Amino acid sequence: ILNTDIALAKQSGAHIFSFGLKSLNDRNTLTLAASEGVTVHSHDVIYSLLDDAKDSFAQYMPPTPVDTVHGKATIQAVFDINNKKDAEKIAGLNVTEGTLYKLKVDGGSKVHYRVIRDGNRISPEGETVTAASLKKVKDDADSVRRGDECGLGLSGFDDFQKGDIIECYTIEMKHSFV
């Protein structure tokens, strides 16, 4: 690795990757790279170099949304709750997988819901459907686990039918892998 390599990497904002160099003898070059803010990646194993390069390149790719499903439930019954404002539909659920959350998962990410009927999503796309209420028996709940029954009211959707599947999920922005 030469001083000109360091200068070119600095100008272009690039990283320098080397393979098979047992040691970099020129300490001045390494000192120059550090002072110029150029990252030098030196590897003796080719797979390690490839993984490191993929990780570095991924930072330049635009992040993409990734859904993580935290829980699934089946609608057992649909109830019309008549409060003073409007009638609200509540889905009586049996949680079949994972956990349903009212607002946020344990890590703090905001949860969203989708409704699936006959294998097709019937609720609006995106982050528009959230929990308006989540109750276990008649008590408010922050979460309900697999095997439990609960009542769920959604804001942004109320066309429930017995047998529909409800999914509780989060959306995270992650960098693509090359």
Protein backbone atom coordinates (compact mmCIF):
# COMPACT_ATOMS: atom_id res chain seq x y z
CA ILE A 1 0.00 0.00 0.00
CA LEU A 2 1.53 3.24 -1.15
CA ASN A 3 1.03 6.85 -0.10
CA THR A 4 -0.63 7.48 -3.48
CA ASP A 5 -3.18 4.75 -2.65
CA ILE A 6 -3.99 6.63 0.55
CA ALA A 7 -4.37 9.92 -1.33
CA LEU A 8 -6.68 8.36 -3.94
CA ALA A 9 -8.78 6.65 -1.26
CA LYS A 10 -9.14 9.93 0.63
CA GLN A 11 -10.22 11.84 -2.49
CA SER A 12 -12.83 9.27 -3.43
CA GLY A 13 -13.97 8.38 0.11
CA ALA A 14 -12.97 4.75 -0.45
CA HIS A 15 -11.68 2.02 1.82
CA ILE A 16 -8.47 0.13 1.06
CA PHE A 17 -8.56 -3.67 1.13
CA SER A 18 -5.45 -5.84 1.11
CA PHE A 19 -5.04 -9.58 1.01
CA GLY A 20 -2.13 -11.79 1.91
CA LEU A 21 0.18 -9.13 3.34
CA LYS A 22 1.54 -10.70 6.52
CA SER A 23 2.39 -7.29 7.90
CA LEU A 24 2.41 -3.81 6.54
CA ASN A 25 6.03 -2.78 6.92
CA ASP A 26 5.67 0.91 6.21
CA ARG A 27 4.38 2.39 9.46
CA ASN A 28 4.42 5.83 7.84
CA THR A 29 1.78 4.68 5.35
CA LEU A 30 -0.46 3.36 8.12
CA THR A 31 0.01 6.55 10.13
CA LEU A 32 -0.84 8.61 7.03
CA ALA A 33 -3.98 6.51 6.42
CA ALA A 34 -5.12 7.03 10.01
CA SER A 35 -4.46 10.77 9.92
CA GLU A 36 -6.29 11.13 6.57
CA GLY A 37 -9.29 9.13 7.83
CA VAL A 38 -8.77 6.27 5.34
CA THR A 39 -9.74 2.82 6.56
CA VAL A 40 -7.33 0.02 5.70
CA HIS A 41 -8.69 -3.53 5.86
CA SER A 42 -5.98 -6.20 5.82
CA HIS A 43 -6.92 -9.88 5.62
CA ASP A 44 -5.18 -13.24 5.42
CA VAL A 45 -8.36 -15.25 4.76
CA ILE A 46 -10.23 -14.55 1.52
CA TYR A 47 -13.69 -15.24 3.01
CA SER A 48 -12.98 -12.72 5.74
CA LEU A 49 -12.02 -10.12 3.13
CA LEU A 50 -15.20 -10.80 1.13
CA ASP A 51 -17.43 -10.50 4.20
CA ASP A 52 -15.71 -7.27 5.23
CA ALA A 53 -16.08 -5.85 1.71
CA LYS A 54 -19.81 -6.75 1.62
CA ASP A 55 -20.36 -5.02 4.96
CA SER A 56 -18.52 -1.91 3.74
CA PHE A 57 -20.40 -1.78 0.44
CA ALA A 58 -23.77 -2.28 2.14
CA GLN A 59 -23.35 1.09 3.86
CA TYR A 60 -23.54 2.76 0.45
CA MET A 61 -26.77 1.00 -0.52
CA PRO A 62 -30.07 2.67 0.34
CA PRO A 63 -31.84 1.10 3.32
CA THR A 64 -34.92 -1.00 2.58
CA PRO A 65 -37.90 -1.69 4.83
CA VAL A 66 -37.93 -5.13 6.45
CA ASP A 67 -41.03 -6.53 8.21
CA THR A 68 -40.64 -8.62 11.35
CA VAL A 69 -43.78 -10.48 12.44
CA HIS A 70 -44.02 -10.70 16.24
CA GLY A 71 -47.34 -12.47 16.58
CA LYS A 72 -50.29 -14.02 14.75
CA ALA A 73 -53.86 -14.58 15.86
CA THR A 74 -57.05 -16.05 14.43
CA ILE A 75 -60.36 -14.22 14.71
CA GLN A 76 -62.81 -16.40 16.66
CA ALA A 77 -65.67 -13.87 16.82
CA VAL A 78 -66.49 -10.24 15.95
CA PHE A 79 -68.17 -7.94 18.49
CA ASP A 80 -69.87 -4.58 18.00
CA ILE A 81 -69.14 -2.39 20.99
CA ASN A 82 -71.42 0.61 21.16
CA ASN A 83 -69.73 3.45 22.97
CA LYS A 84 -71.09 6.98 23.10
CA LYS A 85 -69.26 8.18 19.97
CA ASP A 86 -69.62 5.41 17.40
CA ALA A 87 -69.95 1.67 17.18
CA GLU A 88 -66.55 0.00 17.31
CA LYS A 89 -65.78 -3.49 16.00
CA ILE A 90 -63.63 -5.69 18.19
CA ALA A 91 -62.03 -8.90 16.97
CA GLY A 92 -62.11 -11.73 19.50
CA LEU A 93 -58.77 -13.46 18.96
CA ASN A 94 -56.87 -16.60 19.84
CA VAL A 95 -53.13 -15.83 19.67
CA THR A 96 -51.58 -18.72 17.74
CA GLU A 97 -47.95 -17.56 17.39
CA GLY A 98 -45.65 -15.17 19.24
CA THR A 99 -47.00 -12.08 20.99
CA LEU A 100 -49.40 -9.28 20.04
CA TYR A 101 -48.39 -5.83 21.29
CA LYS A 102 -50.59 -2.79 21.74
CA LEU A 103 -48.12 -0.01 20.93
CA LYS A 104 -44.48 -1.11 20.93
CA VAL A 105 -42.42 -4.29 21.14
CA ASP A 106 -40.08 -4.75 24.08
CA GLY A 107 -37.23 -3.11 22.13
CA GLY A 108 -39.29 0.03 21.58
CA SER A 109 -40.25 -0.27 17.89
CA LYS A 110 -43.81 0.80 17.02
CA VAL A 111 -46.07 -2.09 15.97
CA HIS A 112 -48.52 -2.25 13.08
CA TYR A 113 -51.20 -4.74 12.13
CA ARG A 114 -52.36 -6.42 8.94
CA VAL A 115 -55.42 -8.56 8.33
CA ILE A 116 -55.21 -11.58 6.02
CA ARG A 117 -58.25 -13.33 4.56
CA ASP A 118 -57.96 -16.41 2.36
CA GLY A 119 -54.20 -15.81 2.00
CA ASN A 120 -54.57 -12.19 0.82
CA ARG A 121 -53.92 -9.01 2.75
CA ILE A 122 -57.18 -7.07 3.01
CA SER A 123 -56.11 -4.26 5.35
CA PRO A 124 -54.43 -1.10 3.99
CA GLU A 125 -50.72 -1.31 3.10
CA GLY A 126 -48.02 0.46 5.08
CA GLU A 127 -48.02 1.76 8.62
CA THR A 128 -51.64 2.92 8.79
CA VAL A 129 -53.25 0.14 10.86
CA THR A 130 -52.45 0.25 14.57
CA ALA A 131 -54.06 -1.09 17.74
CA ALA A 132 -56.77 1.17 19.15
CA SER A 133 -57.42 -1.27 22.01
CA LEU A 134 -56.04 -4.56 23.26
CA LYS A 135 -57.82 -6.30 26.11
CA LYS A 136 -57.40 -9.56 27.92
CA VAL A 137 -60.78 -10.45 29.40
CA LYS A 138 -61.94 -6.89 30.26
CA ASP A 139 -58.56 -5.46 31.33
CA ASP A 140 -56.33 -3.34 29.11
CA ALA A 141 -53.18 -5.20 28.08
CA ASP A 142 -49.84 -4.07 26.64
CA SER A 143 -49.21 -7.53 25.18
CA VAL A 144 -50.88 -10.92 24.80
CA ARG A 145 -48.90 -14.15 24.32
CA ARG A 146 -49.46 -17.35 22.32
CA GLY A 147 -52.24 -19.50 23.71
CA ASP A 148 -54.18 -16.59 25.23
CA GLU A 149 -57.41 -15.02 24.03
CA CYS A 150 -57.95 -11.28 23.71
CA GLY A 151 -60.02 -8.54 22.12
CA LEU A 152 -58.41 -6.23 19.55
CA GLY A 153 -59.75 -3.03 18.03
CA LEU A 154 -57.79 -1.52 15.16
CA SER A 155 -57.61 2.07 14.00
CA GLY A 156 -57.63 2.17 10.22
CA PHE A 157 -59.54 -1.12 9.72
CA ASP A 158 -62.71 -2.77 11.04
CA ASP A 159 -63.92 -5.20 8.35
CA PHE A 160 -63.26 -8.28 10.49
CA GLN A 161 -64.60 -11.75 9.69
CA LYS A 162 -64.36 -14.96 11.65
CA GLY A 163 -61.33 -16.94 10.44
CA ASP A 164 -59.26 -13.90 9.39
CA ILE A 165 -55.61 -13.91 10.44
CA ILE A 166 -54.20 -10.89 12.29
CA GLU A 167 -50.44 -10.24 12.18
CA CYS A 168 -48.60 -7.89 14.54
CA TYR A 169 -45.36 -6.62 12.96
CA THR A 170 -42.68 -3.94 13.01
CA ILE A 171 -40.92 -2.26 10.11
CA GLU A 172 -37.18 -1.59 10.31
CA MET A 173 -34.98 0.09 7.74
CA LYS A 174 -31.97 -2.14 7.02
CA HIS A 175 -29.12 -1.91 4.57
CA SER A 176 -29.11 -4.37 1.68
CA PHE A 177 -26.39 -6.95 1.39
CA VAL A 178 -24.37 -7.08 -1.79
